[in-house]
C-alpha cells in the first residue's frame, strides 16, 4: 500500500506524521506544496485547507496529525 502525504515546509504536524509513518514502516510518497504549488489546487478541490493531508488506499483522506487514523493505516 502506498500512502501519499501532502506537506509544506516548516510544518510540525507534517513532520510528526512522517515520523509516525516511518516508525511504523509505512511506505509513503511526500508531495510538498511549497515545491509544487499545483498540489494546492488539487487539495482545495478535495475540500482541504490545511496540511498535512494523508491519502491511503481503502481509507478516507484526512488532514492533520491523527495518530488514531495513522494507526489504522499502519495496521
N, C-alpha and C. Protein backbone atom coordinates (compact mmCIF):
# COMPACT_ATOMS: atom_id res chain seq x y z
N UNK A 1 0.85 -1.18 0.00
CA UNK A 1 0.00 0.00 0.00
C UNK A 1 0.89 1.24 0.00
N UNK A 2 0.57 2.17 -0.87
CA UNK A 2 1.34 3.41 -0.96
C UNK A 2 0.51 4.55 -0.40
N UNK A 3 1.06 5.22 0.60
CA UNK A 3 0.40 6.36 1.23
C UNK A 3 0.97 7.63 0.63
N UNK A 4 0.12 8.62 0.42
CA UNK A 4 0.56 9.93 -0.07
C UNK A 4 0.32 10.95 1.02
N UNK A 5 1.35 11.74 1.31
CA UNK A 5 1.21 12.81 2.30
C UNK A 5 1.54 14.14 1.62
N UNK A 6 0.60 15.06 1.70
CA UNK A 6 0.80 16.41 1.18
C UNK A 6 1.29 17.25 2.35
N UNK A 7 2.43 17.91 2.17
CA UNK A 7 3.05 18.64 3.27
C UNK A 7 3.52 20.01 2.79
N UNK A 8 4.04 20.78 3.74
CA UNK A 8 4.68 22.04 3.39
C UNK A 8 5.90 22.22 4.30
N UNK A 9 6.74 23.17 3.95
CA UNK A 9 7.96 23.43 4.72
C UNK A 9 7.61 23.93 6.12
N UNK A 10 8.44 23.58 7.09
CA UNK A 10 8.31 24.06 8.47
C UNK A 10 6.95 23.77 9.08
N UNK A 11 6.41 22.61 8.80
CA UNK A 11 5.10 22.19 9.32
C UNK A 11 5.32 21.10 10.36
N UNK A 12 5.07 21.43 11.62
CA UNK A 12 5.32 20.47 12.70
C UNK A 12 4.42 19.25 12.59
N UNK A 13 3.14 19.44 12.26
CA UNK A 13 2.25 18.28 12.12
C UNK A 13 2.68 17.38 10.97
N UNK A 14 3.22 18.00 9.91
CA UNK A 14 3.72 17.22 8.78
C UNK A 14 4.89 16.35 9.24
N UNK A 15 5.82 16.95 9.98
CA UNK A 15 6.99 16.21 10.46
C UNK A 15 6.57 15.08 11.38
N UNK A 16 5.61 15.33 12.25
CA UNK A 16 5.16 14.31 13.18
C UNK A 16 4.48 13.16 12.43
N UNK A 17 3.70 13.49 11.41
CA UNK A 17 3.03 12.47 10.61
C UNK A 17 4.04 11.61 9.86
N UNK A 18 5.03 12.25 9.24
CA UNK A 18 6.06 11.50 8.51
C UNK A 18 6.85 10.60 9.46
N UNK A 19 7.16 11.12 10.65
CA UNK A 19 7.90 10.32 11.63
C UNK A 19 7.08 9.11 12.06
N UNK A 20 5.78 9.32 12.30
CA UNK A 20 4.90 8.22 12.71
C UNK A 20 4.90 7.14 11.64
N UNK A 21 4.71 7.53 10.38
CA UNK A 21 4.67 6.55 9.29
C UNK A 21 5.99 5.81 9.17
N UNK A 22 7.09 6.53 9.27
CA UNK A 22 8.41 5.90 9.18
C UNK A 22 8.63 4.90 10.31
N UNK A 23 8.26 5.30 11.54
CA UNK A 23 8.44 4.42 12.70
C UNK A 23 7.59 3.17 12.60
N UNK A 24 6.48 3.24 11.86
CA UNK A 24 5.60 2.08 11.69
C UNK A 24 5.82 1.38 10.35
N UNK A 25 6.94 1.71 9.70
CA UNK A 25 7.34 1.07 8.44
C UNK A 25 6.27 1.16 7.35
N UNK A 26 5.63 2.32 7.28
CA UNK A 26 4.64 2.56 6.23
C UNK A 26 5.32 3.37 5.13
N UNK A 27 5.32 2.81 3.93
CA UNK A 27 5.93 3.49 2.78
C UNK A 27 5.02 4.64 2.36
N UNK A 28 5.62 5.80 2.13
CA UNK A 28 4.81 6.94 1.71
C UNK A 28 5.56 7.79 0.71
N UNK A 29 4.77 8.53 -0.06
CA UNK A 29 5.30 9.50 -1.02
C UNK A 29 4.91 10.87 -0.52
N UNK A 30 5.90 11.74 -0.38
CA UNK A 30 5.63 13.10 0.08
C UNK A 30 5.46 14.03 -1.11
N UNK A 31 4.44 14.86 -1.04
CA UNK A 31 4.21 15.88 -2.07
C UNK A 31 4.18 17.23 -1.37
N UNK A 32 5.23 18.01 -1.57
CA UNK A 32 5.40 19.28 -0.88
C UNK A 32 4.73 20.40 -1.66
N UNK A 33 3.81 21.12 -1.02
CA UNK A 33 3.07 22.18 -1.72
C UNK A 33 3.92 23.44 -1.93
N UNK A 34 5.00 23.58 -1.16
CA UNK A 34 5.90 24.71 -1.40
C UNK A 34 6.69 24.49 -2.70
N UNK A 35 7.11 23.27 -2.92
CA UNK A 35 7.89 22.95 -4.12
C UNK A 35 7.00 22.75 -5.34
N UNK A 36 5.77 22.31 -5.12
CA UNK A 36 4.83 22.03 -6.21
C UNK A 36 3.48 22.68 -5.92
N UNK A 37 3.35 23.98 -6.19
CA UNK A 37 2.12 24.71 -5.85
C UNK A 37 0.86 24.15 -6.51
N UNK A 38 1.01 23.39 -7.59
CA UNK A 38 -0.18 22.83 -8.24
C UNK A 38 -0.94 21.89 -7.31
N UNK A 39 -0.27 21.35 -6.30
CA UNK A 39 -0.96 20.48 -5.34
C UNK A 39 -1.96 21.25 -4.49
N UNK A 40 -1.75 22.56 -4.31
CA UNK A 40 -2.67 23.38 -3.54
C UNK A 40 -4.05 23.35 -4.20
N UNK A 41 -4.09 23.51 -5.51
CA UNK A 41 -5.35 23.47 -6.25
C UNK A 41 -6.03 22.13 -6.07
N UNK A 42 -5.27 21.06 -6.18
CA UNK A 42 -5.81 19.70 -6.01
C UNK A 42 -6.44 19.55 -4.63
N UNK A 43 -5.72 19.98 -3.59
CA UNK A 43 -6.23 19.83 -2.22
C UNK A 43 -7.48 20.68 -1.99
N UNK A 44 -7.50 21.90 -2.53
CA UNK A 44 -8.68 22.76 -2.39
C UNK A 44 -9.89 22.13 -3.08
N UNK A 45 -9.66 21.51 -4.24
CA UNK A 45 -10.75 20.84 -4.95
C UNK A 45 -11.32 19.69 -4.12
N UNK A 46 -10.47 19.08 -3.31
CA UNK A 46 -10.89 17.97 -2.44
C UNK A 46 -11.51 18.48 -1.14
N UNK A 47 -11.47 19.81 -0.92
CA UNK A 47 -12.08 20.39 0.26
C UNK A 47 -11.13 20.62 1.43
N UNK A 48 -9.84 20.43 1.21
CA UNK A 48 -8.87 20.62 2.29
C UNK A 48 -8.29 22.03 2.25
N UNK A 49 -8.05 22.60 3.44
CA UNK A 49 -7.46 23.93 3.53
C UNK A 49 -6.22 23.94 4.41
N UNK A 50 -5.79 22.77 4.88
CA UNK A 50 -4.62 22.67 5.75
C UNK A 50 -3.87 21.39 5.43
N UNK A 51 -2.61 21.37 5.77
CA UNK A 51 -1.79 20.17 5.61
C UNK A 51 -1.30 19.75 6.99
N UNK A 52 -0.85 18.54 7.18
CA UNK A 52 -0.73 17.50 6.16
C UNK A 52 -2.08 16.90 5.78
N UNK A 53 -2.17 16.48 4.52
CA UNK A 53 -3.31 15.70 4.05
C UNK A 53 -2.76 14.32 3.72
N UNK A 54 -3.43 13.30 4.23
CA UNK A 54 -2.97 11.93 4.05
C UNK A 54 -4.00 11.18 3.23
N UNK A 55 -3.54 10.56 2.15
CA UNK A 55 -4.38 9.71 1.31
C UNK A 55 -3.80 8.30 1.33
N UNK A 56 -4.65 7.33 1.64
CA UNK A 56 -4.22 5.93 1.66
C UNK A 56 -5.32 5.08 1.04
N UNK A 57 -4.95 4.14 0.18
CA UNK A 57 -5.97 3.28 -0.45
C UNK A 57 -6.83 2.58 0.60
N UNK A 58 -8.14 2.63 0.41
CA UNK A 58 -9.05 1.96 1.32
C UNK A 58 -9.39 2.75 2.57
N UNK A 59 -8.88 3.98 2.68
CA UNK A 59 -9.15 4.82 3.84
C UNK A 59 -9.60 6.20 3.36
N UNK A 60 -10.52 6.84 4.09
CA UNK A 60 -10.88 8.20 3.69
C UNK A 60 -9.71 9.16 3.92
N UNK A 61 -9.54 10.12 3.03
CA UNK A 61 -8.47 11.11 3.19
C UNK A 61 -8.77 11.98 4.41
N UNK A 62 -7.70 12.42 5.09
CA UNK A 62 -7.87 13.27 6.26
C UNK A 62 -6.68 14.21 6.36
N UNK A 63 -6.80 15.21 7.24
CA UNK A 63 -5.70 16.15 7.42
C UNK A 63 -5.33 16.25 8.89
N UNK A 64 -4.12 16.73 9.13
CA UNK A 64 -3.62 16.90 10.49
C UNK A 64 -2.88 15.68 10.98
N UNK A 65 -2.24 15.81 12.13
CA UNK A 65 -1.56 14.69 12.76
C UNK A 65 -2.59 13.92 13.56
N UNK A 66 -2.99 12.76 13.03
CA UNK A 66 -4.07 11.97 13.63
C UNK A 66 -3.57 10.56 13.92
N UNK A 67 -2.95 10.35 15.08
CA UNK A 67 -2.42 9.02 15.40
C UNK A 67 -3.49 7.91 15.30
N UNK A 68 -4.75 8.23 15.64
CA UNK A 68 -5.80 7.22 15.55
C UNK A 68 -5.99 6.74 14.11
N UNK A 69 -6.02 7.69 13.17
CA UNK A 69 -6.18 7.34 11.76
C UNK A 69 -4.90 6.67 11.21
N UNK A 70 -3.75 7.20 11.61
CA UNK A 70 -2.48 6.66 11.12
C UNK A 70 -2.28 5.22 11.59
N UNK A 71 -2.73 4.91 12.81
CA UNK A 71 -2.61 3.56 13.33
C UNK A 71 -3.43 2.59 12.47
N UNK A 72 -4.61 3.02 12.02
CA UNK A 72 -5.42 2.16 11.15
C UNK A 72 -4.71 1.90 9.83
N UNK A 73 -4.05 2.92 9.30
CA UNK A 73 -3.32 2.75 8.04
C UNK A 73 -2.13 1.81 8.25
N UNK A 74 -1.43 2.00 9.37
CA UNK A 74 -0.24 1.18 9.65
C UNK A 74 -0.64 -0.28 9.89
N UNK A 75 -1.88 -0.46 10.38
CA UNK A 75 -2.48 -1.76 10.63
C UNK A 75 -1.53 -2.81 11.01
